[in-house]
Amino acid sequence: MKVKVLFFASLRESLGRPHEELELPANVNTVGTLREHLRARGGEWASVFAPNRPVRAAVNQDMVQAGAAIKPGDEVAFFPPVTGG
């Protein structure tokens, strides 16, 4: 399954890229399993997607939780929590 993954704000800065297209293994079919798949790359990926690090996600521009399904052609965005005053 091929998806487009976008990285915003500090995630983009830490990973050194704004996006990438990924061919995912069959067992990566939710936002949570995609996050774990990215974390398994190690290095900065492991730090950015560490379980204790708050990272928000959207699928096709809709905010979702980790259990949200992803399907071929989806756009998945990851970004840090937004704070403001």
C-alpha atoms as a PDB file:
ATOM      1  CA  MET A   1       0.000   0.000   0.000  1.00  0.00           C
ATOM      2  CA  LYS A   2       1.394   3.381  -0.995  1.00  0.00           C
ATOM      3  CA  VAL A   3       0.659   6.513   1.075  1.00  0.00           C
ATOM      4  CA  LYS A   4       1.991  10.063   1.256  1.00  0.00           C
ATOM      5  CA  VAL A   5       3.295  11.047   4.683  1.00  0.00           C
ATOM      6  CA  LEU A   6       3.683  14.716   5.624  1.00  0.00           C
ATOM      7  CA  PHE A   7       5.787  16.068   8.489  1.00  0.00           C
ATOM      8  CA  PHE A   8       5.099  19.500   9.982  1.00  0.00           C
ATOM      9  CA  ALA A   9       6.847  22.009  12.253  1.00  0.00           C
ATOM     10  CA  SER A  10       9.500  20.515  14.586  1.00  0.00           C
ATOM     11  CA  LEU A  11       9.000  17.028  13.104  1.00  0.00           C
ATOM     12  CA  ARG A  12       9.930  18.325   9.652  1.00  0.00           C
ATOM     13  CA  GLU A  13      12.970  20.098  11.103  1.00  0.00           C
ATOM     14  CA  SER A  14      14.134  17.037  13.059  1.00  0.00           C
ATOM     15  CA  LEU A  15      13.648  14.619  10.159  1.00  0.00           C
ATOM     16  CA  GLY A  16      14.995  16.976   7.495  1.00  0.00           C
ATOM     17  CA  ARG A  17      12.113  16.497   5.075  1.00  0.00           C
ATOM     18  CA  PRO A  18       8.577  17.816   4.587  1.00  0.00           C
ATOM     19  CA  HIS A  19       7.107  14.602   3.173  1.00  0.00           C
ATOM     20  CA  GLU A  20       7.742  11.259   1.564  1.00  0.00           C
ATOM     21  CA  GLU A  21       5.828   8.608  -0.326  1.00  0.00           C
ATOM     22  CA  LEU A  22       5.998   5.200   1.304  1.00  0.00           C
ATOM     23  CA  GLU A  23       5.176   1.689   0.205  1.00  0.00           C
ATOM     24  CA  LEU A  24       3.943   0.091   3.428  1.00  0.00           C
ATOM     25  CA  PRO A  25       3.968  -3.566   4.423  1.00  0.00           C
ATOM     26  CA  ALA A  26       0.560  -5.249   4.784  1.00  0.00           C
ATOM     27  CA  ASN A  27       0.651  -5.113   8.593  1.00  0.00           C
ATOM     28  CA  VAL A  28       0.904  -1.304   8.598  1.00  0.00           C
ATOM     29  CA  ASN A  29      -2.734  -0.303   8.210  1.00  0.00           C
ATOM     30  CA  THR A  30      -3.462   2.198  10.998  1.00  0.00           C
ATOM     31  CA  VAL A  31      -1.957   5.508  12.031  1.00  0.00           C
ATOM     32  CA  GLY A  32      -0.498   3.831  15.122  1.00  0.00           C
ATOM     33  CA  THR A  33       1.206   1.050  13.177  1.00  0.00           C
ATOM     34  CA  LEU A  34       2.532   3.630  10.696  1.00  0.00           C
ATOM     35  CA  ARG A  35       4.010   5.623  13.562  1.00  0.00           C
ATOM     36  CA  GLU A  36       5.650   2.446  14.921  1.00  0.00           C
ATOM     37  CA  HIS A  37       6.923   1.589  11.421  1.00  0.00           C
ATOM     38  CA  LEU A  38       8.565   5.022  11.175  1.00  0.00           C
ATOM     39  CA  ARG A  39       9.976   4.776  14.722  1.00  0.00           C
ATOM     40  CA  ALA A  40      11.621   1.449  13.822  1.00  0.00           C
ATOM     41  CA  ARG A  41      13.898   3.281  11.379  1.00  0.00           C
ATOM     42  CA  GLY A  42      15.966   4.239  14.425  1.00  0.00           C
ATOM     43  CA  GLY A  43      18.038   7.349  15.026  1.00  0.00           C
ATOM     44  CA  GLU A  44      16.090  10.604  14.858  1.00  0.00           C
ATOM     45  CA  TRP A  45      12.998   8.667  13.721  1.00  0.00           C
ATOM     46  CA  ALA A  46      12.989   6.736  17.008  1.00  0.00           C
ATOM     47  CA  SER A  47      13.210  10.002  18.928  1.00  0.00           C
ATOM     48  CA  VAL A  48      10.521  11.869  16.980  1.00  0.00           C
ATOM     49  CA  PHE A  49       8.045   8.977  17.132  1.00  0.00           C
ATOM     50  CA  ALA A  50       8.900   7.732  20.646  1.00  0.00           C
ATOM     51  CA  PRO A  51       5.809   6.422  22.481  1.00  0.00           C
ATOM     52  CA  ASN A  52       6.060   9.123  25.156  1.00  0.00           C
ATOM     53  CA  ARG A  53       6.309  11.959  22.634  1.00  0.00           C
ATOM     54  CA  PRO A  54       3.029  13.713  21.812  1.00  0.00           C
ATOM     55  CA  VAL A  55       2.463  13.633  18.064  1.00  0.00           C
ATOM     56  CA  ARG A  56      -0.869  14.452  16.441  1.00  0.00           C
ATOM     57  CA  ALA A  57      -2.050  12.884  13.190  1.00  0.00           C
ATOM     58  CA  ALA A  58      -4.484  13.575  10.382  1.00  0.00           C
ATOM     59  CA  VAL A  59      -5.630  11.355   7.530  1.00  0.00           C
ATOM     60  CA  ASN A  60      -6.769  13.207   4.424  1.00  0.00           C
ATOM     61  CA  GLN A  61      -6.863  16.417   6.503  1.00  0.00           C
ATOM     62  CA  ASP A  62      -9.135  14.983   9.220  1.00  0.00           C
ATOM     63  CA  MET A  63      -7.753  14.710  12.764  1.00  0.00           C
ATOM     64  CA  VAL A  64      -7.577  11.063  13.864  1.00  0.00           C
ATOM     65  CA  GLN A  65      -6.487   8.817  16.714  1.00  0.00           C
ATOM     66  CA  ALA A  66      -3.857   6.069  16.511  1.00  0.00           C
ATOM     67  CA  GLY A  67      -6.435   3.393  15.681  1.00  0.00           C
ATOM     68  CA  ALA A  68      -7.643   5.155  12.532  1.00  0.00           C
ATOM     69  CA  ALA A  69      -7.357   3.010   9.420  1.00  0.00           C
ATOM     70  CA  ILE A  70      -5.225   4.045   6.466  1.00  0.00           C
ATOM     71  CA  LYS A  71      -5.708   2.830   2.927  1.00  0.00           C
ATOM     72  CA  PRO A  72      -3.844   3.119  -0.378  1.00  0.00           C
ATOM     73  CA  GLY A  73      -3.522   6.680  -1.615  1.00  0.00           C
ATOM     74  CA  ASP A  74      -4.196   8.300   1.771  1.00  0.00           C
ATOM     75  CA  GLU A  75      -2.312  11.354   2.926  1.00  0.00           C
ATOM     76  CA  VAL A  76      -1.157  11.014   6.528  1.00  0.00           C
ATOM     77  CA  ALA A  77       0.172  14.085   8.323  1.00  0.00           C
ATOM     78  CA  PHE A  78       2.112  14.103  11.584  1.00  0.00           C
ATOM     79  CA  PHE A  79       2.696  17.230  13.652  1.00  0.00           C
ATOM     80  CA  PRO A  80       3.382  18.276  17.240  1.00  0.00           C
ATOM     81  CA  PRO A  81       0.505  19.431  19.455  1.00  0.00           C
ATOM     82  CA  VAL A  82      -0.401  23.049  18.821  1.00  0.00           C
ATOM     83  CA  THR A  83      -0.317  25.515  21.676  1.00  0.00           C
ATOM     84  CA  GLY A  84      -1.280  29.120  21.601  1.00  0.00           C
ATOM     85  CA  GLY A  85      -2.307  32.062  23.650  1.00  0.00           C
END
